């Protein structure tokens, strides 16, 4: 497949790969920052990271109603199997 790459396009492709790599680096840094924030909330306020990650996601998406409906559905399925 590599033999089919037009030599004129090679630099363009490398530039795009560099852009992707730079974006991945930024994403990794942001993920690290989020972890630090979650740890800070746990340390300062005793709020478990596991739950605060979910709360942060809901806060970001502003979709608490959808999350509640999903939980109800899961709960109903669980109760029909176990209960």
PDB file of N, CA and C in Angstrom:
ATOM      1  N   UNK A   1       0.828  -1.193   0.000  1.00  0.00           N
ATOM      2  CA  UNK A   1       0.000   0.000   0.000  1.00  0.00           C
ATOM      3  C   UNK A   1       0.869   1.253   0.000  1.00  0.00           C
ATOM      4  N   UNK A   2       1.962   1.245   0.764  1.00  0.00           N
ATOM      5  CA  UNK A   2       2.831   2.415   0.844  1.00  0.00           C
ATOM      6  C   UNK A   2       3.412   2.784  -0.511  1.00  0.00           C
ATOM      7  N   UNK A   3       3.568   1.814  -1.371  1.00  0.00           N
ATOM      8  CA  UNK A   3       4.109   2.079  -2.697  1.00  0.00           C
ATOM      9  C   UNK A   3       3.153   2.884  -3.565  1.00  0.00           C
ATOM     10  N   UNK A   4       1.899   2.939  -3.155  1.00  0.00           N
ATOM     11  CA  UNK A   4       0.902   3.644  -3.954  1.00  0.00           C
ATOM     12  C   UNK A   4       0.769   5.106  -3.550  1.00  0.00           C
ATOM     13  N   UNK A   5       1.483   5.528  -2.519  1.00  0.00           N
ATOM     14  CA  UNK A   5       1.407   6.918  -2.082  1.00  0.00           C
ATOM     15  C   UNK A   5       2.156   7.799  -3.067  1.00  0.00           C
ATOM     16  N   UNK A   6       1.462   8.763  -3.552  1.00  0.00           N
ATOM     17  CA  UNK A   6       2.032   9.713  -4.490  1.00  0.00           C
ATOM     18  C   UNK A   6       3.141  10.488  -3.769  1.00  0.00           C
ATOM     19  N   UNK A   7       4.347  10.513  -4.322  1.00  0.00           N
ATOM     20  CA  UNK A   7       5.451  11.235  -3.678  1.00  0.00           C
ATOM     21  C   UNK A   7       5.124  12.696  -3.383  1.00  0.00           C
ATOM     22  N   UNK A   8       4.287  13.307  -4.208  1.00  0.00           N
ATOM     23  CA  UNK A   8       3.891  14.703  -3.970  1.00  0.00           C
ATOM     24  C   UNK A   8       3.010  14.834  -2.723  1.00  0.00           C
ATOM     25  N   UNK A   9       2.332  13.741  -2.350  1.00  0.00           N
ATOM     26  CA  UNK A   9       1.432  13.771  -1.200  1.00  0.00           C
ATOM     27  C   UNK A   9       2.126  13.370   0.096  1.00  0.00           C
ATOM     28  N   UNK A  10       3.311  12.833  -0.003  1.00  0.00           N
ATOM     29  CA  UNK A  10       4.004  12.306   1.170  1.00  0.00           C
ATOM     30  C   UNK A  10       4.155  13.374   2.266  1.00  0.00           C
ATOM     31  N   UNK A  11       4.615  14.557   1.924  1.00  0.00           N
ATOM     32  CA  UNK A  11       4.801  15.617   2.922  1.00  0.00           C
ATOM     33  C   UNK A  11       3.469  16.062   3.504  1.00  0.00           C
ATOM     34  N   UNK A  12       2.444  16.138   2.667  1.00  0.00           N
ATOM     35  CA  UNK A  12       1.117  16.516   3.150  1.00  0.00           C
ATOM     36  C   UNK A  12       0.621  15.510   4.186  1.00  0.00           C
ATOM     37  N   UNK A  13       0.837  14.235   3.915  1.00  0.00           N
ATOM     38  CA  UNK A  13       0.412  13.178   4.832  1.00  0.00           C
ATOM     39  C   UNK A  13       1.200  13.271   6.137  1.00  0.00           C
ATOM     40  N   UNK A  14       2.499  13.516   6.034  1.00  0.00           N
ATOM     41  CA  UNK A  14       3.317  13.658   7.241  1.00  0.00           C
ATOM     42  C   UNK A  14       2.856  14.859   8.074  1.00  0.00           C
ATOM     43  N   UNK A  15       2.477  15.934   7.410  1.00  0.00           N
ATOM     44  CA  UNK A  15       1.976  17.119   8.120  1.00  0.00           C
ATOM     45  C   UNK A  15       0.678  16.804   8.874  1.00  0.00           C
ATOM     46  N   UNK A  16      -0.190  16.060   8.224  1.00  0.00           N
ATOM     47  CA  UNK A  16      -1.445  15.676   8.869  1.00  0.00           C
ATOM     48  C   UNK A  16      -1.161  14.765  10.057  1.00  0.00           C
ATOM     49  N   UNK A  17      -0.236  13.833   9.902  1.00  0.00           N
ATOM     50  CA  UNK A  17       0.129  12.956  11.012  1.00  0.00           C
ATOM     51  C   UNK A  17       0.699  13.760  12.184  1.00  0.00           C
ATOM     52  N   UNK A  18       1.454  14.790  11.883  1.00  0.00           N
ATOM     53  CA  UNK A  18       1.983  15.665  12.934  1.00  0.00           C
ATOM     54  C   UNK A  18       0.843  16.370  13.654  1.00  0.00           C
ATOM     55  N   UNK A  19      -0.145  16.854  12.909  1.00  0.00           N
ATOM     56  CA  UNK A  19      -1.304  17.496  13.515  1.00  0.00           C
ATOM     57  C   UNK A  19      -2.046  16.529  14.433  1.00  0.00           C
ATOM     58  N   UNK A  20      -2.219  15.286  13.972  1.00  0.00           N
ATOM     59  CA  UNK A  20      -2.897  14.270  14.780  1.00  0.00           C
ATOM     60  C   UNK A  20      -2.107  14.001  16.055  1.00  0.00           C
ATOM     61  N   UNK A  21      -0.800  13.859  15.929  1.00  0.00           N
ATOM     62  CA  UNK A  21       0.041  13.611  17.083  1.00  0.00           C
ATOM     63  C   UNK A  21      -0.038  14.766  18.080  1.00  0.00           C
ATOM     64  N   UNK A  22      -0.010  15.981  17.586  1.00  0.00           N
ATOM     65  CA  UNK A  22      -0.131  17.152  18.463  1.00  0.00           C
ATOM     66  C   UNK A  22      -1.474  17.157  19.192  1.00  0.00           C
ATOM     67  N   UNK A  23      -2.530  16.802  18.485  1.00  0.00           N
ATOM     68  CA  UNK A  23      -3.853  16.733  19.093  1.00  0.00           C
ATOM     69  C   UNK A  23      -3.893  15.654  20.175  1.00  0.00           C
ATOM     70  N   UNK A  24      -3.277  14.518  19.906  1.00  0.00           N
ATOM     71  CA  UNK A  24      -3.223  13.441  20.899  1.00  0.00           C
ATOM     72  C   UNK A  24      -2.462  13.880  22.147  1.00  0.00           C
ATOM     73  N   UNK A  25      -1.396  14.631  21.950  1.00  0.00           N
ATOM     74  CA  UNK A  25      -0.627  15.146  23.082  1.00  0.00           C
ATOM     75  C   UNK A  25      -1.493  16.069  23.937  1.00  0.00           C
ATOM     76  N   UNK A  26      -2.254  16.943  23.283  1.00  0.00           N
ATOM     77  CA  UNK A  26      -3.148  17.837  24.025  1.00  0.00           C
ATOM     78  C   UNK A  26      -4.222  17.042  24.769  1.00  0.00           C
ATOM     79  N   UNK A  27      -4.770  16.022  24.119  1.00  0.00           N
ATOM     80  CA  UNK A  27      -5.793  15.189  24.754  1.00  0.00           C
ATOM     81  C   UNK A  27      -5.247  14.486  25.991  1.00  0.00           C
ATOM     82  N   UNK A  28      -4.039  13.972  25.889  1.00  0.00           N
ATOM     83  CA  UNK A  28      -3.413  13.305  27.030  1.00  0.00           C
ATOM     84  C   UNK A  28      -3.210  14.287  28.180  1.00  0.00           C
ATOM     85  N   UNK A  29      -2.780  15.502  27.851  1.00  0.00           N
ATOM     86  CA  UNK A  29      -2.575  16.517  28.884  1.00  0.00           C
ATOM     87  C   UNK A  29      -3.901  16.878  29.546  1.00  0.00           C
ATOM     88  N   UNK A  30      -4.949  17.009  28.781  1.00  0.00           N
ATOM     89  CA  UNK A  30      -6.267  17.318  29.341  1.00  0.00           C
ATOM     90  C   UNK A  30      -6.768  16.177  30.221  1.00  0.00           C
ATOM     91  N   UNK A  31      -6.543  14.941  29.803  1.00  0.00           N
ATOM     92  CA  UNK A  31      -6.946  13.786  30.614  1.00  0.00           C
ATOM     93  C   UNK A  31      -6.203  13.791  31.945  1.00  0.00           C
ATOM     94  N   UNK A  32      -4.926  14.122  31.917  1.00  0.00           N
ATOM     95  CA  UNK A  32      -4.146  14.224  33.156  1.00  0.00           C
ATOM     96  C   UNK A  32      -4.697  15.321  34.054  1.00  0.00           C
ATOM     97  N   UNK A  33      -5.079  16.437  33.464  1.00  0.00           N
ATOM     98  CA  UNK A  33      -5.636  17.545  34.239  1.00  0.00           C
ATOM     99  C   UNK A  33      -6.955  17.135  34.898  1.00  0.00           C
ATOM    100  N   UNK A  34      -7.783  16.428  34.160  1.00  0.00           N
ATOM    101  CA  UNK A  34      -9.055  15.961  34.710  1.00  0.00           C
ATOM    102  C   UNK A  34      -8.797  15.031  35.896  1.00  0.00           C
ATOM    103  N   UNK A  35      -7.833  14.136  35.766  1.00  0.00           N
ATOM    104  CA  UNK A  35      -7.486  13.232  36.877  1.00  0.00           C
ATOM    105  C   UNK A  35      -7.052  14.025  38.102  1.00  0.00           C
ATOM    106  N   UNK A  36      -6.237  15.062  37.888  1.00  0.00           N
ATOM    107  CA  UNK A  36      -5.787  15.913  38.994  1.00  0.00           C
ATOM    108  C   UNK A  36      -6.973  16.595  39.674  1.00  0.00           C
ATOM    109  N   UNK A  37      -7.907  17.091  38.887  1.00  0.00           N
ATOM    110  CA  UNK A  37      -9.090  17.750  39.447  1.00  0.00           C
ATOM    111  C   UNK A  37      -9.925  16.767  40.260  1.00  0.00           C
ATOM    112  N   UNK A  38     -10.094  15.560  39.747  1.00  0.00           N
ATOM    113  CA  UNK A  38     -10.861  14.546  40.460  1.00  0.00           C
ATOM    114  C   UNK A  38     -10.189  14.179  41.781  1.00  0.00           C
ATOM    115  N   UNK A  39      -8.867  14.067  41.747  1.00  0.00           N
ATOM    116  CA  UNK A  39      -8.124  13.782  42.985  1.00  0.00           C
ATOM    117  C   UNK A  39      -8.283  14.923  43.992  1.00  0.00           C
ATOM    118  N   UNK A  40      -8.255  16.147  43.496  1.00  0.00           N
ATOM    119  CA  UNK A  40      -8.397  17.309  44.371  1.00  0.00           C
ATOM    120  C   UNK A  40      -9.767  17.321  45.042  1.00  0.00           C
ATOM    121  N   UNK A  41     -10.821  16.996  44.280  1.00  0.00           N
ATOM    122  CA  UNK A  41     -12.156  16.946  44.870  1.00  0.00           C
ATOM    123  C   UNK A  41     -12.254  15.834  45.907  1.00  0.00           C
ATOM    124  N   UNK A  42     -11.590  14.728  45.632  1.00  0.00           N
ATOM    125  CA  UNK A  42     -11.600  13.635  46.595  1.00  0.00           C
ATOM    126  C   UNK A  42     -10.847  14.025  47.868  1.00  0.00           C
ATOM    127  N   UNK A  43      -9.679  14.619  47.704  1.00  0.00           N
ATOM    128  CA  UNK A  43      -8.860  15.015  48.857  1.00  0.00           C
ATOM    129  C   UNK A  43      -9.508  16.130  49.670  1.00  0.00           C
ATOM    130  N   UNK A  44     -10.006  17.157  48.991  1.00  0.00           N
ATOM    131  CA  UNK A  44     -10.526  18.331  49.689  1.00  0.00           C
ATOM    132  C   UNK A  44     -11.942  18.146  50.222  1.00  0.00           C
ATOM    133  N   UNK A  45     -12.757  17.368  49.508  1.00  0.00           N
ATOM    134  CA  UNK A  45     -14.170  17.291  49.862  1.00  0.00           C
ATOM    135  C   UNK A  45     -14.657  15.882  50.176  1.00  0.00           C
ATOM    136  N   UNK A  46     -13.781  14.885  50.009  1.00  0.00           N
ATOM    137  CA  UNK A  46     -14.170  13.505  50.274  1.00  0.00           C
ATOM    138  C   UNK A  46     -15.123  12.936  49.240  1.00  0.00           C
ATOM    139  N   UNK A  47     -15.158  13.536  48.050  1.00  0.00           N
ATOM    140  CA  UNK A  47     -16.042  13.069  46.978  1.00  0.00           C
ATOM    141  C   UNK A  47     -15.302  12.027  46.137  1.00  0.00           C
ATOM    142  N   UNK A  48     -15.819  10.804  46.069  1.00  0.00           N
ATOM    143  CA  UNK A  48     -15.118   9.733  45.350  1.00  0.00           C
ATOM    144  C   UNK A  48     -14.927  10.044  43.862  1.00  0.00           C
ATOM    145  N   UNK A  49     -13.704   9.829  43.387  1.00  0.00           N
ATOM    146  CA  UNK A  49     -13.359  10.085  41.973  1.00  0.00           C
ATOM    147  C   UNK A  49     -14.326   9.361  41.046  1.00  0.00           C
ATOM    148  N   UNK A  50     -14.600   8.115  41.381  1.00  0.00           N
ATOM    149  CA  UNK A  50     -15.456   7.272  40.539  1.00  0.00           C
ATOM    150  C   UNK A  50     -16.795   7.956  40.246  1.00  0.00           C
ATOM    151  N   UNK A  51     -17.386   8.554  41.280  1.00  0.00           N
ATOM    152  CA  UNK A  51     -18.682   9.194  41.099  1.00  0.00           C
ATOM    153  C   UNK A  51     -18.553  10.600  40.516  1.00  0.00           C
ATOM    154  N   UNK A  52     -17.515  11.295  40.916  1.00  0.00           N
ATOM    155  CA  UNK A  52     -17.360  12.664  40.433  1.00  0.00           C
ATOM    156  C   UNK A  52     -17.017  12.715  38.950  1.00  0.00           C
ATOM    157  N   UNK A  53     -16.354  11.693  38.450  1.00  0.00           N
ATOM    158  CA  UNK A  53     -16.115  11.627  37.001  1.00  0.00           C
ATOM    159  C   UNK A  53     -17.456  11.569  36.265  1.00  0.00           C
ATOM    160  N   UNK A  54     -18.365  10.750  36.801  1.00  0.00           N
ATOM    161  CA  UNK A  54     -19.693  10.620  36.198  1.00  0.00           C
ATOM    162  C   UNK A  54     -20.469  11.936  36.333  1.00  0.00           C
ATOM    163  N   UNK A  55     -20.410  12.548  37.513  1.00  0.00           N
ATOM    164  CA  UNK A  55     -21.089  13.824  37.732  1.00  0.00           C
ATOM    165  C   UNK A  55     -20.545  14.878  36.765  1.00  0.00           C
ATOM    166  N   UNK A  56     -19.234  14.918  36.595  1.00  0.00           N
ATOM    167  CA  UNK A  56     -18.618  15.889  35.683  1.00  0.00           C
ATOM    168  C   UNK A  56     -19.089  15.662  34.245  1.00  0.00           C
ATOM    169  N   UNK A  57     -19.195  14.401  33.851  1.00  0.00           N
ATOM    170  CA  UNK A  57     -19.652  14.089  32.492  1.00  0.00           C
ATOM    171  C   UNK A  57     -21.095  14.554  32.307  1.00  0.00           C
ATOM    172  N   UNK A  58     -21.936  14.286  33.316  1.00  0.00           N
ATOM    173  CA  UNK A  58     -23.331  14.719  33.253  1.00  0.00           C
ATOM    174  C   UNK A  58     -23.405  16.248  33.239  1.00  0.00           C
ATOM    175  N   UNK A  59     -22.598  16.888  34.082  1.00  0.00           N
ATOM    176  CA  UNK A  59     -22.563  18.351  34.135  1.00  0.00           C
ATOM    177  C   UNK A  59     -22.174  18.924  32.771  1.00  0.00           C
ATOM    178  N   UNK A  60     -21.189  18.318  32.149  1.00  0.00           N
ATOM    179  CA  UNK A  60     -20.728  18.782  30.839  1.00  0.00           C
ATOM    180  C   UNK A  60     -21.805  18.608  29.771  1.00  0.00           C
ATOM    181  N   UNK A  61     -22.428  17.439  29.749  1.00  0.00           N
ATOM    182  CA  UNK A  61     -23.434  17.152  28.718  1.00  0.00           C
ATOM    183  C   UNK A  61     -24.814  17.709  29.053  1.00  0.00           C
ATOM    184  N   UNK A  62     -24.992  18.106  30.324  1.00  0.00           N
ATOM    185  CA  UNK A  62     -26.295  18.600  30.782  1.00  0.00           C
ATOM    186  C   UNK A  62     -27.406  17.607  30.440  1.00  0.00           C
ATOM    187  N   UNK A  63     -27.191  16.342  30.825  1.00  0.00           N
ATOM    188  CA  UNK A  63     -28.153  15.300  30.459  1.00  0.00           C
ATOM    189  C   UNK A  63     -28.588  14.449  31.654  1.00  0.00           C
ATOM    190  N   UNK A  64     -28.832  15.087  32.794  1.00  0.00           N
ATOM    191  CA  UNK A  64     -29.212  14.343  33.989  1.00  0.00           C
ATOM    192  C   UNK A  64     -30.506  13.551  33.772  1.00  0.00           C
ATOM    193  N   UNK A  65     -31.468  14.118  33.065  1.00  0.00           N
ATOM    194  CA  UNK A  65     -32.736  13.399  32.825  1.00  0.00           C
ATOM    195  C   UNK A  65     -32.500  12.114  32.053  1.00  0.00           C
ATOM    196  N   UNK A  66     -31.657  12.189  31.043  1.00  0.00           N
ATOM    197  CA  UNK A  66     -31.340  10.996  30.247  1.00  0.00           C
ATOM    198  C   UNK A  66     -30.628   9.953  31.104  1.00  0.00           C
ATOM    199  N   UNK A  67     -29.704  10.387  31.935  1.00  0.00           N
ATOM    200  CA  UNK A  67     -28.979   9.466  32.811  1.00  0.00           C
ATOM    201  C   UNK A  67     -29.920   8.812  33.812  1.00  0.00           C
ATOM    202  N   UNK A  68     -30.852   9.581  34.356  1.00  0.00           N
ATOM    203  CA  UNK A  68     -31.818   9.020  35.298  1.00  0.00           C
ATOM    204  C   UNK A  68     -32.705   7.990  34.613  1.00  0.00           C
ATOM    205  N   UNK A  69     -33.131   8.282  33.396  1.00  0.00           N
ATOM    206  CA  UNK A  69     -33.965   7.335  32.650  1.00  0.00           C
ATOM    207  C   UNK A  69     -33.182   6.055  32.358  1.00  0.00           C
ATOM    208  N   UNK A  70     -31.911   6.199  31.992  1.00  0.00           N
ATOM    209  CA  UNK A  70     -31.092   5.014  31.736  1.00  0.00           C
ATOM    210  C   UNK A  70     -30.937   4.171  32.997  1.00  0.00           C
ATOM    211  N   UNK A  71     -30.716   4.847  34.141  1.00  0.00           N
ATOM    212  CA  UNK A  71     -30.578   4.109  35.384  1.00  0.00           C
ATOM    213  C   UNK A  71     -31.863   3.368  35.727  1.00  0.00           C
ATOM    214  N   UNK A  72     -32.989   4.016  35.524  1.00  0.00           N
ATOM    215  CA  UNK A  72     -34.279   3.368  35.797  1.00  0.00           C
ATOM    216  C   UNK A  72     -34.441   2.126  34.926  1.00  0.00           C
ATOM    217  N   UNK A  73     -34.055   2.228  33.674  1.00  0.00           N
ATOM    218  CA  UNK A  73     -34.158   1.093  32.751  1.00  0.00           C
ATOM    219  C   UNK A  73     -33.278  -0.059  33.238  1.00  0.00           C
ATOM    220  N   UNK A  74     -32.042   0.260  33.597  1.00  0.00           N
ATOM    221  CA  UNK A  74     -31.119  -0.761  34.099  1.00  0.00           C
ATOM    222  C   UNK A  74     -31.667  -1.366  35.387  1.00  0.00           C
ATOM    223  N   UNK A  75     -32.187  -0.532  36.259  1.00  0.00           N
ATOM    224  CA  UNK A  75     -32.730  -0.997  37.519  1.00  0.00           C
ATOM    225  C   UNK A  75     -33.925  -1.928  37.289  1.00  0.00           C
ATOM    226  N   UNK A  76     -34.786  -1.558  36.367  1.00  0.00           N
ATOM    227  CA  UNK A  76     -35.942  -2.401  36.041  1.00  0.00           C
ATOM    228  C   UNK A  76     -35.500  -3.759  35.494  1.00  0.00           C
ATOM    229  N   UNK A  77     -34.521  -3.748  34.615  1.00  0.00           N
ATOM    230  CA  UNK A  77     -34.023  -5.009  34.050  1.00  0.00           C
ATOM    231  C   UNK A  77     -33.410  -5.863  35.159  1.00  0.00           C
ATOM    232  N   UNK A  78     -32.621  -5.228  36.011  1.00  0.00           N
ATOM    233  CA  UNK A  78     -31.990  -5.964  37.123  1.00  0.00           C
ATOM    234  C   UNK A  78     -33.048  -6.581  38.016  1.00  0.00           C
ATOM    235  N   UNK A  79     -34.054  -5.787  38.387  1.00  0.00           N
ATOM    236  CA  UNK A  79     -35.119  -6.286  39.261  1.00  0.00           C
ATOM    237  C   UNK A  79     -35.894  -7.429  38.615  1.00  0.00           C
ATOM    238  N   UNK A  80     -36.089  -7.366  37.308  1.00  0.00           N
ATOM    239  CA  UNK A  80     -36.830  -8.441  36.637  1.00  0.00           C
ATOM    240  C   UNK A  80     -36.028  -9.739  36.586  1.00  0.00           C
ATOM    241  N   UNK A  81     -34.715  -9.627  36.656  1.00  0.00           N
ATOM    242  CA  UNK A  81     -33.852 -10.806  36.632  1.00  0.00           C
ATOM    243  C   UNK A  81     -33.606 -11.332  38.037  1.00  0.00           C
ATOM    244  N   UNK A  82     -33.262 -10.445  38.954  1.00  0.00           N
ATOM    245  CA  UNK A  82     -32.817 -10.838  40.295  1.00  0.00           C
ATOM    246  C   UNK A  82     -33.952 -10.795  41.309  1.00  0.00           C
ATOM    247  N   UNK A  83     -34.785  -9.774  41.193  1.00  0.00           N
ATOM    248  CA  UNK A  83     -35.819  -9.526  42.214  1.00  0.00           C
ATOM    249  C   UNK A  83     -36.968 -10.408  42.075  1.00  0.00           C
TER     250      UNK A  83
END
